[in-house]
Amino acid sequence: MHPILTIAIKAARRAGNIIQRASLNMESVRVENKKHNDFVSDVDRAAEQAIIDVIMEAYPKHAILAEESGAKGIGESEYEWIIDPLDGTTNFLHGHPQYCISIAMAHRGQIQQAVVYDPNRNELYSASRGVGSFMNDRRIRVSKRINMNECLISTGFPVVDQSMLDTHLAILKDVLGKTAGARREGSAALDLCNVAIGRVDGFFEFNLKPWDIAAGSLIVQEAGGIVTDMHGEQTWLESGDIVAAPPKVLGQLLPIIGKHVK
């Protein structure tokens, strides 16, 4: 295992312990509203600090891009860690067990290492570029389904930035008419991991942040899937508009989406 991946796993598990301890006493969790439908808790911040502490102890000169504390050292290092300490905060605050820790490391702008940890199921997804994707110690692959009417597609509703809501609903209507169904579970990082392990056959969402998708995207790619933007291009990390699926499903999903996006 790559030493950077070892540190990422250590950081993810430490954050997971903080989150799960807090989940046993939700009445003590303090919550703030960053903007409409965008929440942050003291648990997010404590988990993020724990992750950063582990990384900085091992790699003090690396840059950090984290959801709650922002950017540190960007442009000063070839190595950048992209961190979401609690992807699915709204789920966590409601006791809905669909949330995770997401940690990626990019070298010269290309994601090289990734960890997504689901502390509820104790499922740890990891990937190193060129090595493959794993859930715990088992290598994982995207699904082999190729007929859209058999496929299950996951998505996320645009509840914070609702500028694409009508477009999203139009796409979803078409998807529902051509597939076995759709799911909205509230954690983009876990949605991507579900593509990687074959629990769903595709994923799309608009207006995500780098920390939502950096780790999950590499896990999909190393599991044999393809990640693009809504036009099949590679701007997804910058735009936040993302589609992920096995190759043959992606080829059918992109035209459905493309009818509705400029």
Protein backbone atom coordinates (compact mmCIF):
# COMPACT_ATOMS: atom_id res chain seq x y z
CA MET A 1 0.00 0.00 0.00
CA HIS A 2 1.26 3.48 -0.86
CA PRO A 3 2.41 5.35 2.28
CA ILE A 4 0.20 8.33 1.46
CA LEU A 5 -2.81 6.03 1.25
CA THR A 6 -1.88 4.60 4.65
CA ILE A 7 -1.99 8.10 6.13
CA ALA A 8 -5.30 8.84 4.44
CA ILE A 9 -6.82 5.69 5.93
CA LYS A 10 -5.50 6.55 9.38
CA ALA A 11 -7.00 10.04 9.10
CA ALA A 12 -10.34 8.72 7.85
CA ARG A 13 -10.68 6.21 10.66
CA ARG A 14 -9.80 8.81 13.27
CA ALA A 15 -12.47 11.15 11.91
CA GLY A 16 -14.93 8.25 11.76
CA ASN A 17 -14.42 7.58 15.46
CA ILE A 18 -15.20 11.22 16.27
CA ILE A 19 -18.35 11.18 14.16
CA GLN A 20 -19.67 7.91 15.53
CA ARG A 21 -19.09 8.94 19.14
CA ALA A 22 -21.02 12.13 18.45
CA SER A 23 -23.85 10.17 16.82
CA LEU A 24 -24.57 8.55 20.20
CA ASN A 25 -25.38 11.94 21.76
CA MET A 26 -26.94 14.06 19.03
CA GLU A 27 -28.52 16.48 21.51
CA SER A 28 -25.07 17.86 22.31
CA VAL A 29 -24.15 18.51 18.66
CA ARG A 30 -24.05 22.23 17.81
CA VAL A 31 -25.29 23.15 14.33
CA GLU A 32 -24.94 26.29 12.19
CA ASN A 33 -26.61 27.21 8.91
CA LYS A 34 -23.96 28.28 6.37
CA LYS A 35 -26.69 29.06 3.84
CA HIS A 36 -30.09 27.69 2.86
CA ASN A 37 -30.03 23.88 3.27
CA ASP A 38 -26.27 23.91 3.93
CA PHE A 39 -25.42 22.91 7.49
CA VAL A 40 -22.21 22.56 9.46
CA SER A 41 -21.78 21.14 12.94
CA ASP A 42 -19.02 21.13 15.51
CA VAL A 43 -18.63 17.46 14.57
CA ASP A 44 -17.70 18.41 10.97
CA ARG A 45 -15.06 20.78 12.30
CA ALA A 46 -13.64 18.35 14.86
CA ALA A 47 -13.44 15.56 12.29
CA GLU A 48 -11.77 17.86 9.76
CA GLN A 49 -9.19 19.02 12.28
CA ALA A 50 -8.39 15.42 13.19
CA ILE A 51 -7.81 14.61 9.51
CA ILE A 52 -5.60 17.64 8.99
CA ASP A 53 -3.59 16.86 12.13
CA VAL A 54 -2.82 13.35 10.89
CA ILE A 55 -1.83 14.61 7.44
CA MET A 56 0.28 17.51 8.68
CA GLU A 57 2.16 15.28 11.11
CA ALA A 58 3.23 13.06 8.21
CA TYR A 59 3.43 15.66 5.41
CA PRO A 60 3.77 19.15 6.90
CA LYS A 61 4.58 20.80 3.57
CA HIS A 62 1.56 19.48 1.65
CA ALA A 63 -1.34 21.78 0.74
CA ILE A 64 -4.85 21.35 2.07
CA LEU A 65 -8.26 22.08 0.54
CA ALA A 66 -10.93 21.26 3.13
CA GLU A 67 -14.65 21.96 3.16
CA GLU A 68 -14.84 23.78 6.48
CA SER A 69 -11.40 25.38 6.97
CA GLY A 70 -10.72 26.21 3.33
CA ALA A 71 -7.37 26.27 1.55
CA LYS A 72 -3.91 26.22 3.06
CA GLY A 73 -0.67 26.25 1.09
CA ILE A 74 -2.35 25.96 -2.32
CA GLY A 75 0.23 26.78 -4.99
CA GLU A 76 3.10 26.19 -2.57
CA SER A 77 3.25 22.41 -2.94
CA GLU A 78 2.86 19.86 -5.73
CA TYR A 79 0.77 17.79 -3.32
CA GLU A 80 -2.78 18.80 -2.37
CA TRP A 81 -5.16 17.00 -0.04
CA ILE A 82 -8.88 17.44 -0.76
CA ILE A 83 -11.00 16.74 2.31
CA ASP A 84 -14.67 16.41 3.18
CA PRO A 85 -14.79 15.41 6.85
CA LEU A 86 -18.50 14.57 6.79
CA ASP A 87 -20.14 14.15 3.40
CA GLY A 88 -23.84 13.90 4.18
CA THR A 89 -24.05 16.27 7.13
CA THR A 90 -27.82 16.65 6.79
CA ASN A 91 -28.21 12.87 6.94
CA PHE A 92 -25.97 12.72 10.01
CA LEU A 93 -27.95 15.43 11.80
CA HIS A 94 -31.17 13.49 11.20
CA GLY A 95 -29.76 10.16 12.30
CA HIS A 96 -29.95 8.83 8.75
CA PRO A 97 -26.95 6.46 8.41
CA GLN A 98 -25.75 7.57 4.98
CA TYR A 99 -22.65 9.70 5.42
CA CYS A 100 -18.91 9.29 5.12
CA ILE A 101 -15.44 10.78 5.27
CA SER A 102 -13.84 11.60 1.90
CA ILE A 103 -10.08 12.21 1.48
CA ALA A 104 -8.15 12.53 -1.78
CA MET A 105 -4.57 13.46 -2.55
CA ALA A 106 -3.66 15.11 -5.84
CA HIS A 107 -0.16 15.48 -7.27
CA ARG A 108 0.28 18.28 -9.79
CA GLY A 109 -3.48 18.50 -10.16
CA GLN A 110 -4.12 14.80 -10.81
CA ILE A 111 -5.82 12.73 -8.12
CA GLN A 112 -3.50 9.89 -7.13
CA GLN A 113 -4.84 8.48 -3.84
CA ALA A 114 -8.37 8.26 -2.48
CA VAL A 115 -10.21 7.05 0.60
CA VAL A 116 -13.93 7.11 1.38
CA TYR A 117 -14.92 5.69 4.76
CA ASP A 118 -18.48 4.76 5.71
CA PRO A 119 -18.30 4.44 9.51
CA ASN A 120 -21.82 3.03 9.85
CA ARG A 121 -21.08 -0.03 7.73
CA ASN A 122 -17.35 -0.01 8.49
CA GLU A 123 -16.75 0.01 4.74
CA LEU A 124 -13.51 1.62 3.69
CA TYR A 125 -13.11 2.32 -0.03
CA SER A 126 -9.64 3.10 -1.34
CA ALA A 127 -7.84 3.56 -4.61
CA SER A 128 -4.36 4.33 -5.89
CA ARG A 129 -3.98 5.44 -9.49
CA GLY A 130 -2.99 2.49 -11.65
CA VAL A 131 -3.42 -0.03 -8.84
CA GLY A 132 -7.19 -0.55 -8.58
CA SER A 133 -10.04 0.05 -6.15
CA PHE A 134 -10.86 -1.83 -3.00
CA MET A 135 -13.57 -2.03 -0.37
CA ASN A 136 -11.79 -3.08 2.82
CA ASP A 137 -9.46 -5.76 1.43
CA ARG A 138 -11.58 -6.79 -1.55
CA ARG A 139 -10.97 -5.54 -5.08
CA ILE A 140 -14.12 -4.01 -6.53
CA ARG A 141 -15.45 -3.46 -10.06
CA VAL A 142 -18.33 -1.56 -11.61
CA SER A 143 -21.43 -3.50 -12.62
CA LYS A 144 -21.65 -5.49 -15.85
CA ARG A 145 -25.20 -4.39 -16.71
CA ILE A 146 -25.54 -2.90 -20.16
CA ASN A 147 -29.30 -2.62 -20.71
CA MET A 148 -30.61 0.69 -19.38
CA ASN A 149 -33.97 -0.81 -18.41
CA GLU A 150 -32.09 -2.98 -15.89
CA CYS A 151 -29.94 -0.17 -14.49
CA LEU A 152 -30.32 1.65 -11.18
CA ILE A 153 -29.12 5.28 -11.30
CA SER A 154 -28.25 7.44 -8.31
CA THR A 155 -28.36 11.22 -8.14
CA GLY A 156 -28.46 14.13 -5.74
CA PHE A 157 -31.05 16.88 -5.70
CA PRO A 158 -29.69 20.45 -5.94
CA VAL A 159 -30.96 21.66 -2.57
CA VAL A 160 -28.34 24.39 -1.89
CA ASP A 161 -27.83 25.93 -5.34
CA GLN A 162 -31.21 25.34 -6.99
CA SER A 163 -30.38 27.06 -10.29
CA MET A 164 -30.35 23.68 -12.08
CA LEU A 165 -33.38 22.24 -10.30
CA ASP A 166 -35.76 22.30 -13.29
CA THR A 167 -33.10 20.83 -15.56
CA HIS A 168 -32.32 18.15 -13.01
CA LEU A 169 -35.97 17.16 -12.64
CA ALA A 170 -36.38 16.95 -16.42
CA ILE A 171 -33.37 14.64 -16.65
CA LEU A 172 -34.64 12.58 -13.75
CA LYS A 173 -38.02 12.14 -15.45
CA ASP A 174 -36.30 10.77 -18.55
CA VAL A 175 -34.01 8.55 -16.48
CA LEU A 176 -36.97 7.08 -14.60
CA GLY A 177 -38.67 6.29 -17.90
CA LYS A 178 -35.68 4.38 -19.25
CA THR A 179 -34.21 2.57 -16.24
CA ALA A 180 -35.08 0.28 -13.34
CA GLY A 181 -35.22 3.29 -11.04
CA ALA A 182 -33.32 6.09 -9.36
CA ARG A 183 -32.02 6.69 -5.84
CA ARG A 184 -31.17 9.87 -3.93
CA GLU A 185 -29.24 9.07 -0.75
CA GLY A 186 -27.57 12.36 0.17
CA SER A 187 -23.84 11.65 -0.04
CA ALA A 188 -22.12 12.12 -3.39
CA ALA A 189 -18.94 10.38 -2.20
CA LEU A 190 -20.89 7.26 -1.24
CA ASP A 191 -22.92 7.48 -4.46
CA LEU A 192 -19.67 7.27 -6.41
CA CYS A 193 -18.48 4.35 -4.31
CA ASN A 194 -21.77 2.60 -5.00
CA VAL A 195 -21.03 2.95 -8.72
CA ALA A 196 -17.55 1.55 -8.15
CA ILE A 197 -18.81 -1.52 -6.30
CA GLY A 198 -21.78 -2.09 -8.63
CA ARG A 199 -24.61 -1.35 -6.21
CA VAL A 200 -25.82 1.25 -8.69
CA ASP A 201 -25.07 1.51 -12.38
CA GLY A 202 -24.56 5.25 -12.75
CA PHE A 203 -24.57 8.59 -10.98
CA PHE A 204 -25.11 12.20 -12.01
CA GLU A 205 -25.34 15.48 -10.15
CA PHE A 206 -24.84 19.22 -10.69
CA ASN A 207 -22.90 21.89 -8.78
CA LEU A 208 -20.82 19.74 -6.47
CA LYS A 209 -17.59 20.83 -4.79
CA PRO A 210 -14.15 19.24 -5.30
CA TRP A 211 -14.22 17.68 -1.82
CA ASP A 212 -17.53 15.96 -2.65
CA ILE A 213 -16.18 14.09 -5.66
CA ALA A 214 -12.37 14.01 -5.71
CA ALA A 215 -11.91 10.74 -3.82
CA GLY A 216 -14.98 8.97 -5.17
CA SER A 217 -14.09 9.76 -8.76
CA LEU A 218 -10.73 7.96 -8.56
CA ILE A 219 -12.39 5.00 -6.86
CA VAL A 220 -14.84 4.77 -9.79
CA GLN A 221 -12.10 5.09 -12.39
CA GLU A 222 -9.89 2.46 -10.78
CA ALA A 223 -12.91 0.13 -10.59
CA GLY A 224 -13.33 0.31 -14.36
CA GLY A 225 -15.81 3.17 -14.61
CA ILE A 226 -15.63 6.48 -16.44
CA VAL A 227 -16.14 9.93 -14.94
CA THR A 228 -17.06 12.94 -17.09
CA ASP A 229 -19.03 16.15 -16.98
CA MET A 230 -22.50 16.40 -18.53
CA HIS A 231 -20.98 16.72 -22.02
CA GLY A 232 -18.58 13.79 -21.71
CA GLU A 233 -15.62 16.10 -21.07
CA GLN A 234 -13.10 16.20 -18.23
CA THR A 235 -14.14 19.45 -16.53
CA TRP A 236 -16.09 17.75 -13.72
CA LEU A 237 -13.69 18.62 -10.89
CA GLU A 238 -13.81 22.32 -11.79
CA SER A 239 -17.47 22.57 -12.80
CA GLY A 240 -18.89 20.23 -10.19
CA ASP A 241 -21.18 18.71 -12.84
CA ILE A 242 -20.46 14.98 -12.88
CA VAL A 243 -21.57 11.74 -14.48
CA ALA A 244 -20.05 8.38 -13.49
CA ALA A 245 -20.86 4.94 -14.86
CA PRO A 246 -19.44 1.83 -16.52
CA PRO A 247 -18.47 2.62 -20.12
CA LYS A 248 -21.51 1.07 -21.84
CA VAL A 249 -23.95 2.67 -19.41
CA LEU A 250 -22.24 6.05 -19.67
CA GLY A 251 -22.69 5.94 -23.44
CA GLN A 252 -26.46 5.67 -22.94
CA LEU A 253 -26.77 7.99 -19.93
CA LEU A 254 -24.96 10.98 -21.45
CA PRO A 255 -27.43 11.41 -24.36
CA ILE A 256 -30.34 11.40 -21.90
CA ILE A 257 -28.67 14.17 -19.92
CA GLY A 258 -27.42 15.98 -23.01
CA LYS A 259 -30.96 16.68 -24.25
CA HIS A 260 -31.46 18.97 -21.27
CA VAL A 261 -28.11 20.78 -20.85
CA LYS A 262 -26.56 23.43 -23.05
